[in-house]
Amino acid sequence: MIRFVVDILPEAEAEIREAFFWYFERSPIAADAFRAETFQAIDGLTTDALMWPEDEGGIRRHILRHFP
């Protein structure tokens, strides 16, 4: 099986970190769920890099189901 390398833009990484801490301040359980869903989405890209639509700049993005 082919596995793809996923590059996360620094801006996206910062946004993920900020969101994690926002959830953590309110509920560590929610923060853990956010982290798990985020990693699951990223891991999904390693096996199917074309699963999400590409924008005009060639960037693929995904809105988390439980944490929009």
C-alpha atoms as a PDB file:
ATOM      1  CA  MET A   1       0.000   0.000   0.000  1.00  0.00           C
ATOM      2  CA  ILE A   2       1.280   3.435  -0.898  1.00  0.00           C
ATOM      3  CA  ARG A   3       1.535   5.893   1.979  1.00  0.00           C
ATOM      4  CA  PHE A   4       1.709   9.601   1.335  1.00  0.00           C
ATOM      5  CA  VAL A   5       3.642  12.198   3.313  1.00  0.00           C
ATOM      6  CA  VAL A   6       1.406  14.915   4.740  1.00  0.00           C
ATOM      7  CA  ASP A   7       2.869  18.379   5.192  1.00  0.00           C
ATOM      8  CA  ILE A   8       1.006  20.572   7.655  1.00  0.00           C
ATOM      9  CA  LEU A   9       1.422  24.275   7.101  1.00  0.00           C
ATOM     10  CA  PRO A  10       2.789  26.163  10.122  1.00  0.00           C
ATOM     11  CA  GLU A  11      -0.380  28.246  10.182  1.00  0.00           C
ATOM     12  CA  ALA A  12      -2.519  25.101  10.321  1.00  0.00           C
ATOM     13  CA  GLU A  13      -0.344  23.606  13.045  1.00  0.00           C
ATOM     14  CA  ALA A  14      -0.707  26.791  15.101  1.00  0.00           C
ATOM     15  CA  GLU A  15      -4.477  26.761  14.578  1.00  0.00           C
ATOM     16  CA  ILE A  16      -4.694  23.125  15.677  1.00  0.00           C
ATOM     17  CA  ARG A  17      -2.632  23.875  18.790  1.00  0.00           C
ATOM     18  CA  GLU A  18      -4.745  26.942  19.628  1.00  0.00           C
ATOM     19  CA  ALA A  19      -7.971  24.969  19.199  1.00  0.00           C
ATOM     20  CA  PHE A  20      -6.649  22.160  21.383  1.00  0.00           C
ATOM     21  CA  PHE A  21      -5.872  24.574  24.229  1.00  0.00           C
ATOM     22  CA  TRP A  22      -9.239  26.292  23.791  1.00  0.00           C
ATOM     23  CA  TYR A  23     -11.006  22.939  24.211  1.00  0.00           C
ATOM     24  CA  PHE A  24      -8.665  21.934  27.041  1.00  0.00           C
ATOM     25  CA  GLU A  25      -9.548  25.039  29.076  1.00  0.00           C
ATOM     26  CA  ARG A  26     -13.197  24.006  28.853  1.00  0.00           C
ATOM     27  CA  SER A  27     -12.845  20.230  29.040  1.00  0.00           C
ATOM     28  CA  PRO A  28      -9.749  18.021  28.931  1.00  0.00           C
ATOM     29  CA  ILE A  29     -11.986  15.216  27.649  1.00  0.00           C
ATOM     30  CA  ALA A  30     -13.146  17.363  24.719  1.00  0.00           C
ATOM     31  CA  ALA A  31      -9.535  18.342  24.030  1.00  0.00           C
ATOM     32  CA  ASP A  32      -8.508  14.686  23.851  1.00  0.00           C
ATOM     33  CA  ALA A  33     -11.408  13.951  21.497  1.00  0.00           C
ATOM     34  CA  PHE A  34     -10.392  16.915  19.326  1.00  0.00           C
ATOM     35  CA  ARG A  35      -6.802  15.680  19.194  1.00  0.00           C
ATOM     36  CA  ALA A  36      -7.921  12.134  18.313  1.00  0.00           C
ATOM     37  CA  GLU A  37     -10.221  13.330  15.515  1.00  0.00           C
ATOM     38  CA  THR A  38      -7.504  15.639  14.174  1.00  0.00           C
ATOM     39  CA  PHE A  39      -4.888  12.867  14.092  1.00  0.00           C
ATOM     40  CA  GLN A  40      -7.397  10.472  12.526  1.00  0.00           C
ATOM     41  CA  ALA A  41      -8.067  12.993   9.746  1.00  0.00           C
ATOM     42  CA  ILE A  42      -4.340  13.531   9.138  1.00  0.00           C
ATOM     43  CA  ASP A  43      -3.663   9.785   9.193  1.00  0.00           C
ATOM     44  CA  GLY A  44      -6.463   9.326   6.657  1.00  0.00           C
ATOM     45  CA  LEU A  45      -4.593  11.551   4.261  1.00  0.00           C
ATOM     46  CA  THR A  46      -1.506   9.327   4.429  1.00  0.00           C
ATOM     47  CA  THR A  47      -3.473   6.484   2.854  1.00  0.00           C
ATOM     48  CA  ASP A  48      -5.754   8.479   0.537  1.00  0.00           C
ATOM     49  CA  ALA A  49      -4.253  11.860  -0.242  1.00  0.00           C
ATOM     50  CA  LEU A  50      -7.023  12.712  -2.689  1.00  0.00           C
ATOM     51  CA  MET A  51      -9.928  12.166  -0.281  1.00  0.00           C
ATOM     52  CA  TRP A  52     -10.596  15.879   0.249  1.00  0.00           C
ATOM     53  CA  PRO A  53     -11.096  18.525  -2.413  1.00  0.00           C
ATOM     54  CA  GLU A  54      -8.224  20.724  -3.472  1.00  0.00           C
ATOM     55  CA  ASP A  55      -8.539  24.507  -3.449  1.00  0.00           C
ATOM     56  CA  GLU A  56      -7.181  26.826  -6.144  1.00  0.00           C
ATOM     57  CA  GLY A  57      -3.792  26.876  -4.422  1.00  0.00           C
ATOM     58  CA  GLY A  58      -3.504  23.086  -4.372  1.00  0.00           C
ATOM     59  CA  ILE A  59      -4.197  22.873  -0.637  1.00  0.00           C
ATOM     60  CA  ARG A  60      -6.462  20.131   0.684  1.00  0.00           C
ATOM     61  CA  ARG A  61      -8.457  20.884   3.808  1.00  0.00           C
ATOM     62  CA  HIS A  62     -10.960  19.111   5.961  1.00  0.00           C
ATOM     63  CA  ILE A  63     -13.463  20.364   8.528  1.00  0.00           C
ATOM     64  CA  LEU A  64     -13.680  18.024  11.485  1.00  0.00           C
ATOM     65  CA  ARG A  65     -17.112  16.476  11.922  1.00  0.00           C
ATOM     66  CA  HIS A  66     -17.398  16.971  15.694  1.00  0.00           C
ATOM     67  CA  PHE A  67     -15.279  20.101  16.001  1.00  0.00           C
ATOM     68  CA  PRO A  68     -16.188  22.543  13.215  1.00  0.00           C
END
